[in-house]
Amino acid sequence: MLNRRLFMGALAIGATLTLSPLAAAMAPKSYSPQAFAAAQAAGKPILLHITAPWCPTCKAQTPILSKLEGTPKFKNLVVLNIDFDTSKDLLRKLRVAQQSTLIVFKGSREMGRSTGDTNPASIEALLGKAI
């Protein structure tokens, strides 16, 4: 019994260490003007996710976005998180009034946005506008 527990524990740790680089590579980054400008200049599909740690809708959007980012269709999507509470000047510039806002760009051109959406199909459709 002890050997089985040790084996299962080692297996779990190994899987975590193996998948950590993949998860880190797909993890959304915090917004910076430099990262946004570089993605735009490269013509990449971009998602700006305006989020707040206290927002239940933002928390509901996060696993949906993570799942979609892991698909081949959205492998090149650059996801940048913008903190709703600390980025007021940027939010005014982007004309964002609420957290849980998703804005997609294809290069420098805004292709669409939504606020408060937690429907996986409509979020996927929105992200598809940037591809």
C-alpha atoms as a PDB file:
ATOM      1  CA  MET A   1       0.000   0.000   0.000  1.00  0.00           C
ATOM      2  CA  LEU A   2       2.810   2.379   0.898  1.00  0.00           C
ATOM      3  CA  ASN A   3       4.622   1.670  -2.381  1.00  0.00           C
ATOM      4  CA  ARG A   4       1.454   2.384  -4.336  1.00  0.00           C
ATOM      5  CA  ARG A   5       0.995   5.735  -2.547  1.00  0.00           C
ATOM      6  CA  LEU A   6       4.595   6.682  -3.196  1.00  0.00           C
ATOM      7  CA  PHE A   7       4.252   5.707  -6.847  1.00  0.00           C
ATOM      8  CA  MET A   8       1.032   7.705  -7.275  1.00  0.00           C
ATOM      9  CA  GLY A   9       2.561  10.711  -5.523  1.00  0.00           C
ATOM     10  CA  ALA A  10       5.652  10.568  -7.721  1.00  0.00           C
ATOM     11  CA  LEU A  11       3.459  10.239 -10.799  1.00  0.00           C
ATOM     12  CA  ALA A  12       1.437  13.305  -9.817  1.00  0.00           C
ATOM     13  CA  ILE A  13       4.569  15.363  -9.169  1.00  0.00           C
ATOM     14  CA  GLY A  14       6.088  14.244 -12.474  1.00  0.00           C
ATOM     15  CA  ALA A  15       2.955  15.181 -14.398  1.00  0.00           C
ATOM     16  CA  THR A  16       2.885  18.591 -12.730  1.00  0.00           C
ATOM     17  CA  LEU A  17       6.524  19.267 -13.581  1.00  0.00           C
ATOM     18  CA  THR A  18       6.052  18.053 -17.155  1.00  0.00           C
ATOM     19  CA  LEU A  19       2.967  20.179 -17.782  1.00  0.00           C
ATOM     20  CA  SER A  20       4.193  23.313 -15.972  1.00  0.00           C
ATOM     21  CA  PRO A  21       6.146  24.747 -18.951  1.00  0.00           C
ATOM     22  CA  LEU A  22       3.137  24.173 -21.223  1.00  0.00           C
ATOM     23  CA  ALA A  23       0.802  25.884 -18.771  1.00  0.00           C
ATOM     24  CA  ALA A  24       3.244  28.756 -18.317  1.00  0.00           C
ATOM     25  CA  ALA A  25       3.556  29.214 -22.089  1.00  0.00           C
ATOM     26  CA  MET A  26      -0.220  29.457 -22.472  1.00  0.00           C
ATOM     27  CA  ALA A  27      -0.767  31.565 -19.359  1.00  0.00           C
ATOM     28  CA  PRO A  28      -2.159  35.031 -20.032  1.00  0.00           C
ATOM     29  CA  LYS A  29       0.236  37.885 -19.410  1.00  0.00           C
ATOM     30  CA  SER A  30      -0.426  41.175 -17.725  1.00  0.00           C
ATOM     31  CA  TYR A  31      -0.921  44.015 -20.178  1.00  0.00           C
ATOM     32  CA  SER A  32       2.012  46.216 -21.004  1.00  0.00           C
ATOM     33  CA  PRO A  33       2.102  48.792 -23.790  1.00  0.00           C
ATOM     34  CA  GLN A  34       5.237  47.094 -25.155  1.00  0.00           C
ATOM     35  CA  ALA A  35       3.657  43.615 -25.294  1.00  0.00           C
ATOM     36  CA  PHE A  36       0.512  44.999 -26.913  1.00  0.00           C
ATOM     37  CA  ALA A  37       2.478  47.025 -29.493  1.00  0.00           C
ATOM     38  CA  ALA A  38       4.721  44.059 -30.334  1.00  0.00           C
ATOM     39  CA  ALA A  39       1.732  41.750 -30.869  1.00  0.00           C
ATOM     40  CA  GLN A  40       0.018  44.388 -33.008  1.00  0.00           C
ATOM     41  CA  ALA A  41       3.145  44.990 -35.105  1.00  0.00           C
ATOM     42  CA  ALA A  42       3.445  41.237 -35.673  1.00  0.00           C
ATOM     43  CA  GLY A  43      -0.180  41.100 -36.862  1.00  0.00           C
ATOM     44  CA  LYS A  44      -1.078  38.591 -34.144  1.00  0.00           C
ATOM     45  CA  PRO A  45      -4.586  37.909 -32.895  1.00  0.00           C
ATOM     46  CA  ILE A  46      -4.912  39.607 -29.497  1.00  0.00           C
ATOM     47  CA  LEU A  47      -7.369  39.324 -26.640  1.00  0.00           C
ATOM     48  CA  LEU A  48      -7.524  41.996 -23.970  1.00  0.00           C
ATOM     49  CA  HIS A  49      -9.316  40.580 -20.914  1.00  0.00           C
ATOM     50  CA  ILE A  50     -10.363  43.298 -18.490  1.00  0.00           C
ATOM     51  CA  THR A  51     -10.597  41.491 -15.200  1.00  0.00           C
ATOM     52  CA  ALA A  52     -10.808  42.006 -11.452  1.00  0.00           C
ATOM     53  CA  PRO A  53      -9.934  39.485  -8.740  1.00  0.00           C
ATOM     54  CA  TRP A  54     -13.286  40.031  -6.995  1.00  0.00           C
ATOM     55  CA  CYS A  55     -15.391  39.623 -10.165  1.00  0.00           C
ATOM     56  CA  PRO A  56     -17.424  36.371 -10.352  1.00  0.00           C
ATOM     57  CA  THR A  57     -18.048  36.820 -14.083  1.00  0.00           C
ATOM     58  CA  CYS A  58     -14.309  37.206 -14.721  1.00  0.00           C
ATOM     59  CA  LYS A  59     -13.712  34.022 -12.748  1.00  0.00           C
ATOM     60  CA  ALA A  60     -16.305  32.234 -14.893  1.00  0.00           C
ATOM     61  CA  GLN A  61     -14.651  33.497 -18.098  1.00  0.00           C
ATOM     62  CA  THR A  62     -11.156  32.347 -17.115  1.00  0.00           C
ATOM     63  CA  PRO A  63     -11.597  28.555 -17.541  1.00  0.00           C
ATOM     64  CA  ILE A  64     -13.492  29.095 -20.808  1.00  0.00           C
ATOM     65  CA  LEU A  65     -10.663  31.241 -22.158  1.00  0.00           C
ATOM     66  CA  SER A  66      -8.028  28.776 -20.920  1.00  0.00           C
ATOM     67  CA  LYS A  67      -9.751  25.900 -22.678  1.00  0.00           C
ATOM     68  CA  LEU A  68     -10.029  27.842 -25.938  1.00  0.00           C
ATOM     69  CA  GLU A  69      -6.394  28.997 -25.762  1.00  0.00           C
ATOM     70  CA  GLY A  70      -5.368  25.352 -25.583  1.00  0.00           C
ATOM     71  CA  THR A  71      -6.960  24.526 -28.921  1.00  0.00           C
ATOM     72  CA  PRO A  72      -4.983  24.573 -32.185  1.00  0.00           C
ATOM     73  CA  LYS A  73      -7.312  27.224 -33.623  1.00  0.00           C
ATOM     74  CA  PHE A  74      -6.221  29.766 -30.996  1.00  0.00           C
ATOM     75  CA  LYS A  75      -2.601  28.685 -30.509  1.00  0.00           C
ATOM     76  CA  ASN A  76      -1.268  32.069 -31.729  1.00  0.00           C
ATOM     77  CA  LEU A  77      -3.690  34.159 -29.674  1.00  0.00           C
ATOM     78  CA  VAL A  78      -1.918  36.662 -27.442  1.00  0.00           C
ATOM     79  CA  VAL A  79      -3.891  37.104 -24.214  1.00  0.00           C
ATOM     80  CA  LEU A  80      -3.211  40.190 -22.130  1.00  0.00           C
ATOM     81  CA  ASN A  81      -5.007  40.740 -18.834  1.00  0.00           C
ATOM     82  CA  ILE A  82      -5.823  44.272 -17.736  1.00  0.00           C
ATOM     83  CA  ASP A  83      -6.605  44.850 -14.073  1.00  0.00           C
ATOM     84  CA  PHE A  84      -9.864  46.777 -13.809  1.00  0.00           C
ATOM     85  CA  ASP A  85      -8.995  48.300 -10.436  1.00  0.00           C
ATOM     86  CA  THR A  86      -5.543  49.673 -11.266  1.00  0.00           C
ATOM     87  CA  SER A  87      -5.685  50.615 -14.967  1.00  0.00           C
ATOM     88  CA  LYS A  88      -8.235  53.439 -15.088  1.00  0.00           C
ATOM     89  CA  ASP A  89      -6.338  55.582 -17.637  1.00  0.00           C
ATOM     90  CA  LEU A  90      -5.969  52.646 -20.027  1.00  0.00           C
ATOM     91  CA  LEU A  91      -9.629  51.691 -19.557  1.00  0.00           C
ATOM     92  CA  ARG A  92     -10.703  55.237 -20.469  1.00  0.00           C
ATOM     93  CA  LYS A  93      -8.518  55.070 -23.581  1.00  0.00           C
ATOM     94  CA  LEU A  94     -10.094  51.727 -24.532  1.00  0.00           C
ATOM     95  CA  ARG A  95     -13.608  53.014 -23.664  1.00  0.00           C
ATOM     96  CA  VAL A  96     -14.181  50.218 -21.123  1.00  0.00           C
ATOM     97  CA  ALA A  97     -16.649  50.833 -18.296  1.00  0.00           C
ATOM     98  CA  GLN A  98     -16.879  47.366 -16.742  1.00  0.00           C
ATOM     99  CA  GLN A  99     -14.745  44.443 -15.747  1.00  0.00           C
ATOM    100  CA  SER A 100     -15.325  41.137 -17.574  1.00  0.00           C
ATOM    101  CA  THR A 101     -14.875  42.919 -20.894  1.00  0.00           C
ATOM    102  CA  LEU A 102     -13.227  41.005 -23.727  1.00  0.00           C
ATOM    103  CA  ILE A 103     -11.739  42.948 -26.655  1.00  0.00           C
ATOM    104  CA  VAL A 104     -10.221  41.184 -29.662  1.00  0.00           C
ATOM    105  CA  PHE A 105      -7.799  42.671 -32.161  1.00  0.00           C
ATOM    106  CA  LYS A 106      -6.361  41.446 -35.420  1.00  0.00           C
ATOM    107  CA  GLY A 107      -3.094  43.314 -35.431  1.00  0.00           C
ATOM    108  CA  SER A 108      -3.936  46.946 -34.746  1.00  0.00           C
ATOM    109  CA  ARG A 109      -7.602  46.690 -35.733  1.00  0.00           C
ATOM    110  CA  GLU A 110     -10.280  46.040 -33.111  1.00  0.00           C
ATOM    111  CA  MET A 111     -12.500  43.232 -34.357  1.00  0.00           C
ATOM    112  CA  GLY A 112     -15.055  42.976 -31.547  1.00  0.00           C
ATOM    113  CA  ARG A 113     -15.842  43.155 -27.857  1.00  0.00           C
ATOM    114  CA  SER A 114     -18.237  41.837 -25.265  1.00  0.00           C
ATOM    115  CA  THR A 115     -18.940  42.458 -21.601  1.00  0.00           C
ATOM    116  CA  GLY A 116     -20.173  39.944 -19.049  1.00  0.00           C
ATOM    117  CA  ASP A 117     -20.331  37.029 -21.483  1.00  0.00           C
ATOM    118  CA  THR A 118     -19.871  33.547 -20.004  1.00  0.00           C
ATOM    119  CA  ASN A 119     -21.244  31.527 -22.915  1.00  0.00           C
ATOM    120  CA  PRO A 120     -18.420  29.370 -24.342  1.00  0.00           C
ATOM    121  CA  ALA A 121     -19.849  29.406 -27.875  1.00  0.00           C
ATOM    122  CA  SER A 122     -20.178  33.185 -28.094  1.00  0.00           C
ATOM    123  CA  ILE A 123     -16.742  33.719 -26.518  1.00  0.00           C
ATOM    124  CA  GLU A 124     -15.271  31.327 -29.095  1.00  0.00           C
ATOM    125  CA  ALA A 125     -17.052  33.248 -31.862  1.00  0.00           C
ATOM    126  CA  LEU A 126     -15.653  36.525 -30.529  1.00  0.00           C
ATOM    127  CA  LEU A 127     -12.109  35.129 -30.406  1.00  0.00           C
ATOM    128  CA  GLY A 128     -12.602  33.767 -33.919  1.00  0.00           C
ATOM    129  CA  LYS A 129     -12.969  37.334 -35.209  1.00  0.00           C
ATOM    130  CA  ALA A 130      -9.304  37.927 -34.387  1.00  0.00           C
ATOM    131  CA  ILE A 131      -8.031  34.889 -36.297  1.00  0.00           C
END
